[in-house]
Amino acid sequence: MMHWHVTKPFRKLIIALRLKLFVCLFQQTQLEEETRQKLALSSRLRQLESEKEALQEQVEEEEEIKKNLEKQIVAMTQNLADAKKRIEEETEQVNQLEEVKKKLAKVSVAIY
């Protein structure tokens, strides 16, 4: 069996190379982890942007519904005001007819 005689400078070189290899592997592991984190963040960002767009569409739809409801409220308020006015006018007419009826009844009694 052969024994290799390794010199001290050669041992230092081997240790330095092993250390360098360890550092490179560690840096590669860190880069891989950063890449995974960036991909996860990118995916989350896309998801949040999609949710934001959906919420913006929902807000726009609800604003349109609100505008339509406000228009309906204005129209109904006007219809209610018109109906009240007609009722007041018709009530006045009914009261006037009642007065005329009473006068006619008095005249009628006086004639007979």
PDB file of N, CA and C in Angstrom:
ATOM      1  N   MET A   1       0.842  -1.164   0.000  1.00  0.00           N
ATOM      2  CA  MET A   1       0.000   0.000   0.000  1.00  0.00           C
ATOM      3  C   MET A   1       0.892   1.234   0.000  1.00  0.00           C
ATOM      4  N   MET A   2       0.450   2.193  -0.811  1.00  0.00           N
ATOM      5  CA  MET A   2       1.243   3.417  -0.948  1.00  0.00           C
ATOM      6  C   MET A   2       0.740   4.484  -0.003  1.00  0.00           C
ATOM      7  N   HIS A   3       1.666   5.136   0.558  1.00  0.00           N
ATOM      8  CA  HIS A   3       1.313   6.282   1.396  1.00  0.00           C
ATOM      9  C   HIS A   3       1.729   7.542   0.673  1.00  0.00           C
ATOM     10  N   TRP A   4       0.794   8.400   0.610  1.00  0.00           N
ATOM     11  CA  TRP A   4       1.096   9.687  -0.014  1.00  0.00           C
ATOM     12  C   TRP A   4       1.626  10.630   1.034  1.00  0.00           C
ATOM     13  N   HIS A   5       2.628  11.252   0.685  1.00  0.00           N
ATOM     14  CA  HIS A   5       3.170  12.245   1.605  1.00  0.00           C
ATOM     15  C   HIS A   5       2.652  13.613   1.155  1.00  0.00           C
ATOM     16  N   VAL A   6       1.817  14.222   2.004  1.00  0.00           N
ATOM     17  CA  VAL A   6       1.196  15.507   1.670  1.00  0.00           C
ATOM     18  C   VAL A   6       1.957  16.586   2.416  1.00  0.00           C
ATOM     19  N   THR A   7       2.356  17.567   1.667  1.00  0.00           N
ATOM     20  CA  THR A   7       3.113  18.655   2.276  1.00  0.00           C
ATOM     21  C   THR A   7       2.172  19.620   2.959  1.00  0.00           C
ATOM     22  N   LYS A   8       2.720  20.410   3.838  1.00  0.00           N
ATOM     23  CA  LYS A   8       1.931  21.389   4.586  1.00  0.00           C
ATOM     24  C   LYS A   8       1.267  22.414   3.660  1.00  0.00           C
ATOM     25  N   PRO A   9       1.960  22.986   2.683  1.00  0.00           N
ATOM     26  CA  PRO A   9       1.293  23.937   1.791  1.00  0.00           C
ATOM     27  C   PRO A   9       0.151  23.282   0.998  1.00  0.00           C
ATOM     28  N   PHE A  10       0.344  22.014   0.656  1.00  0.00           N
ATOM     29  CA  PHE A  10      -0.714  21.316  -0.079  1.00  0.00           C
ATOM     30  C   PHE A  10      -1.930  21.110   0.816  1.00  0.00           C
ATOM     31  N   ARG A  11      -1.715  20.797   2.080  1.00  0.00           N
ATOM     32  CA  ARG A  11      -2.833  20.658   3.033  1.00  0.00           C
ATOM     33  C   ARG A  11      -3.576  21.982   3.186  1.00  0.00           C
ATOM     34  N   LYS A  12      -2.824  23.060   3.270  1.00  0.00           N
ATOM     35  CA  LYS A  12      -3.463  24.384   3.377  1.00  0.00           C
ATOM     36  C   LYS A  12      -4.311  24.671   2.137  1.00  0.00           C
ATOM     37  N   LEU A  13      -3.788  24.290   0.988  1.00  0.00           N
ATOM     38  CA  LEU A  13      -4.532  24.489  -0.262  1.00  0.00           C
ATOM     39  C   LEU A  13      -5.817  23.681  -0.259  1.00  0.00           C
ATOM     40  N   ILE A  14      -5.740  22.441   0.189  1.00  0.00           N
ATOM     41  CA  ILE A  14      -6.940  21.584   0.251  1.00  0.00           C
ATOM     42  C   ILE A  14      -7.952  22.189   1.216  1.00  0.00           C
ATOM     43  N   ILE A  15      -7.500  22.653   2.362  1.00  0.00           N
ATOM     44  CA  ILE A  15      -8.419  23.277   3.341  1.00  0.00           C
ATOM     45  C   ILE A  15      -9.042  24.533   2.748  1.00  0.00           C
ATOM     46  N   ALA A  16      -8.241  25.339   2.065  1.00  0.00           N
ATOM     47  CA  ALA A  16      -8.759  26.571   1.456  1.00  0.00           C
ATOM     48  C   ALA A  16      -9.790  26.238   0.383  1.00  0.00           C
ATOM     49  N   LEU A  17      -9.505  25.205  -0.415  1.00  0.00           N
ATOM     50  CA  LEU A  17     -10.454  24.812  -1.468  1.00  0.00           C
ATOM     51  C   LEU A  17     -11.751  24.267  -0.873  1.00  0.00           C
ATOM     52  N   ARG A  18     -11.632  23.484   0.188  1.00  0.00           N
ATOM     53  CA  ARG A  18     -12.832  22.979   0.866  1.00  0.00           C
ATOM     54  C   ARG A  18     -13.660  24.132   1.441  1.00  0.00           C
ATOM     55  N   LEU A  19     -12.969  25.072   2.038  1.00  0.00           N
ATOM     56  CA  LEU A  19     -13.656  26.234   2.594  1.00  0.00           C
ATOM     57  C   LEU A  19     -14.360  27.014   1.489  1.00  0.00           C
ATOM     58  N   LYS A  20     -13.655  27.202   0.382  1.00  0.00           N
ATOM     59  CA  LYS A  20     -14.243  27.936  -0.742  1.00  0.00           C
ATOM     60  C   LYS A  20     -15.461  27.194  -1.290  1.00  0.00           C
ATOM     61  N   LEU A  21     -15.347  25.864  -1.395  1.00  0.00           N
ATOM     62  CA  LEU A  21     -16.471  25.045  -1.858  1.00  0.00           C
ATOM     63  C   LEU A  21     -17.656  25.184  -0.904  1.00  0.00           C
ATOM     64  N   PHE A  22     -17.393  25.146   0.405  1.00  0.00           N
ATOM     65  CA  PHE A  22     -18.454  25.300   1.394  1.00  0.00           C
ATOM     66  C   PHE A  22     -19.141  26.659   1.238  1.00  0.00           C
ATOM     67  N   VAL A  23     -18.355  27.716   1.081  1.00  0.00           N
ATOM     68  CA  VAL A  23     -18.911  29.067   0.913  1.00  0.00           C
ATOM     69  C   VAL A  23     -19.764  29.132  -0.348  1.00  0.00           C
ATOM     70  N   CYS A  24     -19.265  28.544  -1.435  1.00  0.00           N
ATOM     71  CA  CYS A  24     -20.037  28.548  -2.696  1.00  0.00           C
ATOM     72  C   CYS A  24     -21.359  27.806  -2.538  1.00  0.00           C
ATOM     73  N   LEU A  25     -21.315  26.651  -1.881  1.00  0.00           N
ATOM     74  CA  LEU A  25     -22.550  25.884  -1.655  1.00  0.00           C
ATOM     75  C   LEU A  25     -23.531  26.664  -0.777  1.00  0.00           C
ATOM     76  N   PHE A  26     -22.987  27.321   0.252  1.00  0.00           N
ATOM     77  CA  PHE A  26     -23.837  28.126   1.129  1.00  0.00           C
ATOM     78  C   PHE A  26     -24.481  29.273   0.351  1.00  0.00           C
ATOM     79  N   GLN A  27     -23.684  29.947  -0.478  1.00  0.00           N
ATOM     80  CA  GLN A  27     -24.221  31.060  -1.285  1.00  0.00           C
ATOM     81  C   GLN A  27     -25.261  30.555  -2.278  1.00  0.00           C
ATOM     82  N   GLN A  28     -25.018  29.389  -2.864  1.00  0.00           N
ATOM     83  CA  GLN A  28     -25.988  28.826  -3.801  1.00  0.00           C
ATOM     84  C   GLN A  28     -27.293  28.517  -3.084  1.00  0.00           C
ATOM     85  N   THR A  29     -27.207  27.971  -1.884  1.00  0.00           N
ATOM     86  CA  THR A  29     -28.404  27.674  -1.094  1.00  0.00           C
ATOM     87  C   THR A  29     -29.165  28.960  -0.783  1.00  0.00           C
ATOM     88  N   GLN A  30     -28.415  30.020  -0.426  1.00  0.00           N
ATOM     89  CA  GLN A  30     -29.063  31.307  -0.142  1.00  0.00           C
ATOM     90  C   GLN A  30     -29.746  31.850  -1.394  1.00  0.00           C
ATOM     91  N   LEU A  31     -29.076  31.749  -2.528  1.00  0.00           N
ATOM     92  CA  LEU A  31     -29.675  32.241  -3.777  1.00  0.00           C
ATOM     93  C   LEU A  31     -30.939  31.464  -4.131  1.00  0.00           C
ATOM     94  N   GLU A  32     -30.896  30.162  -3.932  1.00  0.00           N
ATOM     95  CA  GLU A  32     -32.078  29.346  -4.201  1.00  0.00           C
ATOM     96  C   GLU A  32     -33.230  29.747  -3.290  1.00  0.00           C
ATOM     97  N   GLU A  33     -32.934  30.000  -2.023  1.00  0.00           N
ATOM     98  CA  GLU A  33     -33.977  30.425  -1.078  1.00  0.00           C
ATOM     99  C   GLU A  33     -34.532  31.791  -1.466  1.00  0.00           C
ATOM    100  N   GLU A  34     -33.656  32.716  -1.846  1.00  0.00           N
ATOM    101  CA  GLU A  34     -34.123  34.039  -2.301  1.00  0.00           C
ATOM    102  C   GLU A  34     -35.002  33.910  -3.534  1.00  0.00           C
ATOM    103  N   THR A  35     -34.612  33.027  -4.446  1.00  0.00           N
ATOM    104  CA  THR A  35     -35.409  32.819  -5.655  1.00  0.00           C
ATOM    105  C   THR A  35     -36.789  32.276  -5.294  1.00  0.00           C
ATOM    106  N   ARG A  36     -36.850  31.301  -4.378  1.00  0.00           N
ATOM    107  CA  ARG A  36     -38.146  30.765  -3.938  1.00  0.00           C
ATOM    108  C   ARG A  36     -39.005  31.869  -3.313  1.00  0.00           C
ATOM    109  N   GLN A  37     -38.378  32.691  -2.467  1.00  0.00           N
ATOM    110  CA  GLN A  37     -39.116  33.776  -1.823  1.00  0.00           C
ATOM    111  C   GLN A  37     -39.624  34.784  -2.850  1.00  0.00           C
ATOM    112  N   LYS A  38     -38.785  35.119  -3.828  1.00  0.00           N
ATOM    113  CA  LYS A  38     -39.204  36.069  -4.870  1.00  0.00           C
ATOM    114  C   LYS A  38     -40.359  35.512  -5.683  1.00  0.00           C
ATOM    115  N   LEU A  39     -40.299  34.228  -6.017  1.00  0.00           N
ATOM    116  CA  LEU A  39     -41.393  33.605  -6.767  1.00  0.00           C
ATOM    117  C   LEU A  39     -42.683  33.611  -5.947  1.00  0.00           C
ATOM    118  N   ALA A  40     -42.562  33.311  -4.651  1.00  0.00           N
ATOM    119  CA  ALA A  40     -43.750  33.319  -3.784  1.00  0.00           C
ATOM    120  C   ALA A  40     -44.330  34.726  -3.690  1.00  0.00           C
ATOM    121  N   LEU A  41     -43.460  35.724  -3.541  1.00  0.00           N
ATOM    122  CA  LEU A  41     -43.937  37.112  -3.463  1.00  0.00           C
ATOM    123  C   LEU A  41     -44.563  37.554  -4.778  1.00  0.00           C
ATOM    124  N   SER A  42     -43.971  37.146  -5.870  1.00  0.00           N
ATOM    125  CA  SER A  42     -44.503  37.494  -7.183  1.00  0.00           C
ATOM    126  C   SER A  42     -45.895  36.889  -7.372  1.00  0.00           C
ATOM    127  N   SER A  43     -46.037  35.650  -6.959  1.00  0.00           N
ATOM    128  CA  SER A  43     -47.337  34.975  -7.043  1.00  0.00           C
ATOM    129  C   SER A  43     -48.370  35.682  -6.171  1.00  0.00           C
ATOM    130  N   ARG A  44     -47.968  36.038  -4.964  1.00  0.00           N
ATOM    131  CA  ARG A  44     -48.879  36.742  -4.042  1.00  0.00           C
ATOM    132  C   ARG A  44     -49.266  38.101  -4.604  1.00  0.00           C
ATOM    133  N   LEU A  45     -48.311  38.787  -5.222  1.00  0.00           N
ATOM    134  CA  LEU A  45     -48.588  40.087  -5.821  1.00  0.00           C
ATOM    135  C   LEU A  45     -49.621  39.957  -6.935  1.00  0.00           C
ATOM    136  N   ARG A  46     -49.457  38.949  -7.788  1.00  0.00           N
ATOM    137  CA  ARG A  46     -50.437  38.727  -8.862  1.00  0.00           C
ATOM    138  C   ARG A  46     -51.817  38.433  -8.289  1.00  0.00           C
ATOM    139  N   GLN A  47     -51.850  37.637  -7.226  1.00  0.00           N
ATOM    140  CA  GLN A  47     -53.121  37.315  -6.578  1.00  0.00           C
ATOM    141  C   GLN A  47     -53.778  38.579  -6.022  1.00  0.00           C
ATOM    142  N   LEU A  48     -52.994  39.422  -5.355  1.00  0.00           N
ATOM    143  CA  LEU A  48     -53.543  40.659  -4.782  1.00  0.00           C
ATOM    144  C   LEU A  48     -54.008  41.619  -5.867  1.00  0.00           C
ATOM    145  N   GLU A  49     -53.271  41.688  -6.974  1.00  0.00           N
ATOM    146  CA  GLU A  49     -53.694  42.547  -8.089  1.00  0.00           C
ATOM    147  C   GLU A  49     -55.010  42.062  -8.669  1.00  0.00           C
ATOM    148  N   SER A  50     -55.159  40.760  -8.778  1.00  0.00           N
ATOM    149  CA  SER A  50     -56.408  40.188  -9.279  1.00  0.00           C
ATOM    150  C   SER A  50     -57.570  40.515  -8.329  1.00  0.00           C
ATOM    151  N   GLU A  51     -57.329  40.373  -7.031  1.00  0.00           N
ATOM    152  CA  GLU A  51     -58.361  40.707  -6.037  1.00  0.00           C
ATOM    153  C   GLU A  51     -58.713  42.192  -6.111  1.00  0.00           C
ATOM    154  N   LYS A  52     -57.695  43.035  -6.298  1.00  0.00           N
ATOM    155  CA  LYS A  52     -57.926  44.476  -6.397  1.00  0.00           C
ATOM    156  C   LYS A  52     -58.814  44.794  -7.598  1.00  0.00           C
ATOM    157  N   GLU A  53     -58.522  44.180  -8.749  1.00  0.00           N
ATOM    158  CA  GLU A  53     -59.330  44.412  -9.946  1.00  0.00           C
ATOM    159  C   GLU A  53     -60.771  43.974  -9.720  1.00  0.00           C
ATOM    160  N   ALA A  54     -60.951  42.823  -9.079  1.00  0.00           N
ATOM    161  CA  ALA A  54     -62.303  42.331  -8.808  1.00  0.00           C
ATOM    162  C   ALA A  54     -63.047  43.296  -7.892  1.00  0.00           C
ATOM    163  N   LEU A  55     -62.358  43.805  -6.874  1.00  0.00           N
ATOM    164  CA  LEU A  55     -62.997  44.753  -5.951  1.00  0.00           C
ATOM    165  C   LEU A  55     -63.327  46.074  -6.648  1.00  0.00           C
ATOM    166  N   GLN A  56     -62.442  46.516  -7.551  1.00  0.00           N
ATOM    167  CA  GLN A  56     -62.717  47.750  -8.294  1.00  0.00           C
ATOM    168  C   GLN A  56     -63.955  47.576  -9.175  1.00  0.00           C
ATOM    169  N   GLU A  57     -64.071  46.428  -9.822  1.00  0.00           N
ATOM    170  CA  GLU A  57     -65.254  46.157 -10.637  1.00  0.00           C
ATOM    171  C   GLU A  57     -66.510  46.145  -9.778  1.00  0.00           C
ATOM    172  N   GLN A  58     -66.412  45.536  -8.603  1.00  0.00           N
ATOM    173  CA  GLN A  58     -67.557  45.485  -7.694  1.00  0.00           C
ATOM    174  C   GLN A  58     -67.954  46.892  -7.256  1.00  0.00           C
ATOM    175  N   VAL A  59     -66.967  47.730  -6.940  1.00  0.00           N
ATOM    176  CA  VAL A  59     -67.254  49.112  -6.528  1.00  0.00           C
ATOM    177  C   VAL A  59     -67.950  49.859  -7.665  1.00  0.00           C
ATOM    178  N   GLU A  60     -67.458  49.688  -8.889  1.00  0.00           N
ATOM    179  CA  GLU A  60     -68.069  50.365 -10.036  1.00  0.00           C
ATOM    180  C   GLU A  60     -69.513  49.912 -10.223  1.00  0.00           C
ATOM    181  N   GLU A  61     -69.753  48.604 -10.099  1.00  0.00           N
ATOM    182  CA  GLU A  61     -71.120  48.089 -10.230  1.00  0.00           C
ATOM    183  C   GLU A  61     -72.017  48.659  -9.138  1.00  0.00           C
ATOM    184  N   GLU A  62     -71.512  48.707  -7.912  1.00  0.00           N
ATOM    185  CA  GLU A  62     -72.312  49.224  -6.801  1.00  0.00           C
ATOM    186  C   GLU A  62     -72.568  50.720  -6.954  1.00  0.00           C
ATOM    187  N   GLU A  63     -71.605  51.461  -7.489  1.00  0.00           N
ATOM    188  CA  GLU A  63     -71.828  52.885  -7.741  1.00  0.00           C
ATOM    189  C   GLU A  63     -72.911  53.081  -8.792  1.00  0.00           C
ATOM    190  N   GLU A  64     -72.926  52.235  -9.814  1.00  0.00           N
ATOM    191  CA  GLU A  64     -73.954  52.322 -10.848  1.00  0.00           C
ATOM    192  C   GLU A  64     -75.330  52.003 -10.257  1.00  0.00           C
ATOM    193  N   ILE A  65     -75.384  50.992  -9.421  1.00  0.00           N
ATOM    194  CA  ILE A  65     -76.644  50.645  -8.749  1.00  0.00           C
ATOM    195  C   ILE A  65     -77.103  51.804  -7.874  1.00  0.00           C
ATOM    196  N   LYS A  66     -76.160  52.414  -7.158  1.00  0.00           N
ATOM    197  CA  LYS A  66     -76.485  53.543  -6.283  1.00  0.00           C
ATOM    198  C   LYS A  66     -77.063  54.699  -7.102  1.00  0.00           C
ATOM    199  N   LYS A  67     -76.440  55.006  -8.238  1.00  0.00           N
ATOM    200  CA  LYS A  67     -76.950  56.092  -9.101  1.00  0.00           C
ATOM    201  C   LYS A  67     -78.367  55.790  -9.557  1.00  0.00           C
ATOM    202  N   ASN A  68     -78.607  54.547  -9.970  1.00  0.00           N
ATOM    203  CA  ASN A  68     -79.945  54.173 -10.416  1.00  0.00           C
ATOM    204  C   ASN A  68     -80.963  54.280  -9.285  1.00  0.00           C
ATOM    205  N   LEU A  69     -80.569  53.858  -8.088  1.00  0.00           N
ATOM    206  CA  LEU A  69     -81.484  53.959  -6.945  1.00  0.00           C
ATOM    207  C   LEU A  69     -81.766  55.422  -6.594  1.00  0.00           C
ATOM    208  N   GLU A  70     -80.742  56.266  -6.674  1.00  0.00           N
ATOM    209  CA  GLU A  70     -80.950  57.690  -6.396  1.00  0.00           C
ATOM    210  C   GLU A  70     -81.912  58.299  -7.408  1.00  0.00           C
ATOM    211  N   LYS A  71     -81.784  57.908  -8.686  1.00  0.00           N
ATOM    212  CA  LYS A  71     -82.711  58.404  -9.708  1.00  0.00           C
ATOM    213  C   LYS A  71     -84.138  57.944  -9.398  1.00  0.00           C
ATOM    214  N   GLN A  72     -84.262  56.678  -8.977  1.00  0.00           N
ATOM    215  CA  GLN A  72     -85.590  56.160  -8.637  1.00  0.00           C
ATOM    216  C   GLN A  72     -86.181  56.906  -7.439  1.00  0.00           C
ATOM    217  N   ILE A  73     -85.335  57.222  -6.456  1.00  0.00           N
ATOM    218  CA  ILE A  73     -85.808  57.956  -5.275  1.00  0.00           C
ATOM    219  C   ILE A  73     -86.304  59.341  -5.677  1.00  0.00           C
ATOM    220  N   VAL A  74     -85.551  60.018  -6.550  1.00  0.00           N
ATOM    221  CA  VAL A  74     -85.964  61.346  -7.013  1.00  0.00           C
ATOM    222  C   VAL A  74     -87.302  61.249  -7.737  1.00  0.00           C
ATOM    223  N   ALA A  75     -87.430  60.260  -8.629  1.00  0.00           N
ATOM    224  CA  ALA A  75     -88.686  60.089  -9.379  1.00  0.00           C
ATOM    225  C   ALA A  75     -89.840  59.773  -8.437  1.00  0.00           C
ATOM    226  N   MET A  76     -89.620  58.891  -7.468  1.00  0.00           N
ATOM    227  CA  MET A  76     -90.689  58.533  -6.526  1.00  0.00           C
ATOM    228  C   MET A  76     -91.061  59.714  -5.638  1.00  0.00           C
ATOM    229  N   THR A  77     -90.077  60.498  -5.237  1.00  0.00           N
ATOM    230  CA  THR A  77     -90.355  61.680  -4.422  1.00  0.00           C
ATOM    231  C   THR A  77     -91.217  62.658  -5.198  1.00  0.00           C
ATOM    232  N   GLN A  78     -90.909  62.844  -6.473  1.00  0.00           N
ATOM    233  CA  GLN A  78     -91.706  63.735  -7.322  1.00  0.00           C
ATOM    234  C   GLN A  78     -93.116  63.171  -7.506  1.00  0.00           C
ATOM    235  N   ASN A  79     -93.209  61.863  -7.740  1.00  0.00           N
ATOM    236  CA  ASN A  79     -94.534  61.236  -7.884  1.00  0.00           C
ATOM    237  C   ASN A  79     -95.347  61.393  -6.605  1.00  0.00           C
ATOM    238  N   LEU A  80     -94.702  61.245  -5.460  1.00  0.00           N
ATOM    239  CA  LEU A  80     -95.391  61.406  -4.179  1.00  0.00           C
ATOM    240  C   LEU A  80     -95.874  62.839  -4.001  1.00  0.00           C
ATOM    241  N   ALA A  81     -95.035  63.808  -4.346  1.00  0.00           N
ATOM    242  CA  ALA A  81     -95.434  65.215  -4.244  1.00  0.00           C
ATOM    243  C   ALA A  81     -96.611  65.495  -5.175  1.00  0.00           C
ATOM    244  N   ASP A  82     -96.569  64.972  -6.394  1.00  0.00           N
ATOM    245  CA  ASP A  82     -97.674  65.154  -7.341  1.00  0.00           C
ATOM    246  C   ASP A  82     -98.955  64.513  -6.811  1.00  0.00           C
ATOM    247  N   ALA A  83     -98.829  63.314  -6.234  1.00  0.00           N
ATOM    248  CA  ALA A  83    -100.001  62.619  -5.698  1.00  0.00           C
ATOM    249  C   ALA A  83    -100.601  63.400  -4.534  1.00  0.00           C
ATOM    250  N   LYS A  84     -99.746  63.944  -3.646  1.00  0.00           N
ATOM    251  CA  LYS A  84    -100.245  64.749  -2.526  1.00  0.00           C
ATOM    252  C   LYS A  84    -100.985  65.976  -3.037  1.00  0.00           C
ATOM    253  N   LYS A  85    -100.438  66.609  -4.060  1.00  0.00           N
ATOM    254  CA  LYS A  85    -101.063  67.806  -4.619  1.00  0.00           C
ATOM    255  C   LYS A  85    -102.437  67.455  -5.210  1.00  0.00           C
ATOM    256  N   ARG A  86    -102.502  66.340  -5.945  1.00  0.00           N
ATOM    257  CA  ARG A  86    -103.797  65.920  -6.516  1.00  0.00           C
ATOM    258  C   ARG A  86    -104.806  65.613  -5.412  1.00  0.00           C
ATOM    259  N   ILE A  87    -104.341  64.950  -4.354  1.00  0.00           N
ATOM    260  CA  ILE A  87    -105.245  64.618  -3.248  1.00  0.00           C
ATOM    261  C   ILE A  87    -105.765  65.887  -2.593  1.00  0.00           C
ATOM    262  N   GLU A  88    -104.859  66.862  -2.394  1.00  0.00           N
ATOM    263  CA  GLU A  88    -105.293  68.126  -1.795  1.00  0.00           C
ATOM    264  C   GLU A  88    -106.313  68.822  -2.700  1.00  0.00           C
ATOM    265  N   GLU A  89    -106.060  68.837  -3.997  1.00  0.00           N
ATOM    266  CA  GLU A  89    -106.982  69.482  -4.943  1.00  0.00           C
ATOM    267  C   GLU A  89    -108.318  68.752  -4.962  1.00  0.00           C
ATOM    268  N   GLU A  90    -108.280  67.429  -4.980  1.00  0.00           N
ATOM    269  CA  GLU A  90    -109.518  66.649  -5.003  1.00  0.00           C
ATOM    270  C   GLU A  90    -110.280  66.787  -3.691  1.00  0.00           C
ATOM    271  N   THR A  91    -109.531  66.871  -2.565  1.00  0.00           N
ATOM    272  CA  THR A  91    -110.186  67.075  -1.267  1.00  0.00           C
ATOM    273  C   THR A  91    -110.882  68.425  -1.259  1.00  0.00           C
ATOM    274  N   GLU A  92    -110.225  69.442  -1.806  1.00  0.00           N
ATOM    275  CA  GLU A  92    -110.835  70.769  -1.888  1.00  0.00           C
ATOM    276  C   GLU A  92    -112.098  70.726  -2.755  1.00  0.00           C
ATOM    277  N   GLN A  93    -112.016  70.004  -3.859  1.00  0.00           N
ATOM    278  CA  GLN A  93    -113.184  69.880  -4.742  1.00  0.00           C
ATOM    279  C   GLN A  93    -114.328  69.167  -4.027  1.00  0.00           C
ATOM    280  N   VAL A  94    -113.981  68.111  -3.264  1.00  0.00           N
ATOM    281  CA  VAL A  94    -115.005  67.380  -2.519  1.00  0.00           C
ATOM    282  C   VAL A  94    -115.646  68.307  -1.490  1.00  0.00           C
ATOM    283  N   ASN A  95    -114.830  69.096  -0.799  1.00  0.00           N
ATOM    284  CA  ASN A  95    -115.364  70.038   0.199  1.00  0.00           C
ATOM    285  C   ASN A  95    -116.273  71.066  -0.470  1.00  0.00           C
ATOM    286  N   GLN A  96    -115.870  71.563  -1.627  1.00  0.00           N
ATOM    287  CA  GLN A  96    -116.704  72.534  -2.350  1.00  0.00           C
ATOM    288  C   GLN A  96    -118.014  71.894  -2.799  1.00  0.00           C
ATOM    289  N   LEU A  97    -117.944  70.660  -3.248  1.00  0.00           N
ATOM    290  CA  LEU A  97    -119.171  69.961  -3.657  1.00  0.00           C
ATOM    291  C   LEU A  97    -120.095  69.729  -2.468  1.00  0.00           C
ATOM    292  N   GLU A  98    -119.508  69.424  -1.298  1.00  0.00           N
ATOM    293  CA  GLU A  98    -120.314  69.248  -0.091  1.00  0.00           C
ATOM    294  C   GLU A  98    -121.032  70.562   0.259  1.00  0.00           C
ATOM    295  N   GLU A  99    -120.336  71.684   0.129  1.00  0.00           N
ATOM    296  CA  GLU A  99    -120.938  72.992   0.409  1.00  0.00           C
ATOM    297  C   GLU A  99    -122.078  73.257  -0.576  1.00  0.00           C
ATOM    298  N   VAL A 100    -121.837  72.973  -1.839  1.00  0.00           N
ATOM    299  CA  VAL A 100    -122.877  73.182  -2.861  1.00  0.00           C
ATOM    300  C   VAL A 100    -124.066  72.283  -2.565  1.00  0.00           C
ATOM    301  N   LYS A 101    -123.804  71.043  -2.175  1.00  0.00           N
ATOM    302  CA  LYS A 101    -124.868  70.093  -1.858  1.00  0.00           C
ATOM    303  C   LYS A 101    -125.716  70.603  -0.684  1.00  0.00           C
ATOM    304  N   LYS A 102    -125.030  71.154   0.356  1.00  0.00           N
ATOM    305  CA  LYS A 102    -125.756  71.690   1.516  1.00  0.00           C
ATOM    306  C   LYS A 102    -126.625  72.874   1.099  1.00  0.00           C
ATOM    307  N   LYS A 103    -126.049  73.752   0.259  1.00  0.00           N
ATOM    308  CA  LYS A 103    -126.822  74.917  -0.206  1.00  0.00           C
ATOM    309  C   LYS A 103    -128.016  74.482  -1.036  1.00  0.00           C
ATOM    310  N   LEU A 104    -127.810  73.497  -1.879  1.00  0.00           N
ATOM    311  CA  LEU A 104    -128.921  73.000  -2.691  1.00  0.00           C
ATOM    312  C   LEU A 104    -129.988  72.361  -1.817  1.00  0.00           C
ATOM    313  N   ALA A 105    -129.543  71.672  -0.766  1.00  0.00           N
ATOM    314  CA  ALA A 105    -130.520  71.052   0.131  1.00  0.00           C
ATOM    315  C   ALA A 105    -131.325  72.136   0.842  1.00  0.00           C
ATOM    316  N   LYS A 106    -130.713  73.266   1.239  1.00  0.00           N
ATOM    317  CA  LYS A 106    -131.433  74.352   1.875  1.00  0.00           C
ATOM    318  C   LYS A 106    -132.409  74.986   0.907  1.00  0.00           C
ATOM    319  N   VAL A 107    -131.932  75.214  -0.343  1.00  0.00           N
ATOM    320  CA  VAL A 107    -132.794  75.814  -1.357  1.00  0.00           C
ATOM    321  C   VAL A 107    -133.954  74.876  -1.652  1.00  0.00           C
ATOM    322  N   SER A 108    -133.665  73.626  -1.718  1.00  0.00           N
ATOM    323  CA  SER A 108    -134.669  72.624  -2.018  1.00  0.00           C
ATOM    324  C   SER A 108    -135.715  72.599  -0.910  1.00  0.00           C
ATOM    325  N   VAL A 109    -135.330  72.712   0.333  1.00  0.00           N
ATOM    326  CA  VAL A 109    -136.251  72.709   1.466  1.00  0.00           C
ATOM    327  C   VAL A 109    -137.078  73.996   1.428  1.00  0.00           C
ATOM    328  N   ALA A 110    -136.428  75.092   1.065  1.00  0.00           N
ATOM    329  CA  ALA A 110    -137.137  76.357   1.016  1.00  0.00           C
ATOM    330  C   ALA A 110    -138.151  76.376  -0.110  1.00  0.00           C
ATOM    331  N   ILE A 111    -137.872  75.686  -1.202  1.00  0.00           N
ATOM    332  CA  ILE A 111    -138.805  75.677  -2.336  1.00  0.00           C
ATOM    333  C   ILE A 111    -140.003  74.811  -1.995  1.00  0.00           C
ATOM    334  N   TYR A 112    -139.878  73.790  -1.348  1.00  0.00           N
ATOM    335  CA  TYR A 112    -140.997  72.894  -1.052  1.00  0.00           C
ATOM    336  C   TYR A 112    -141.665  73.357   0.147  1.00  0.00           C
TER     337      TYR A 112
END
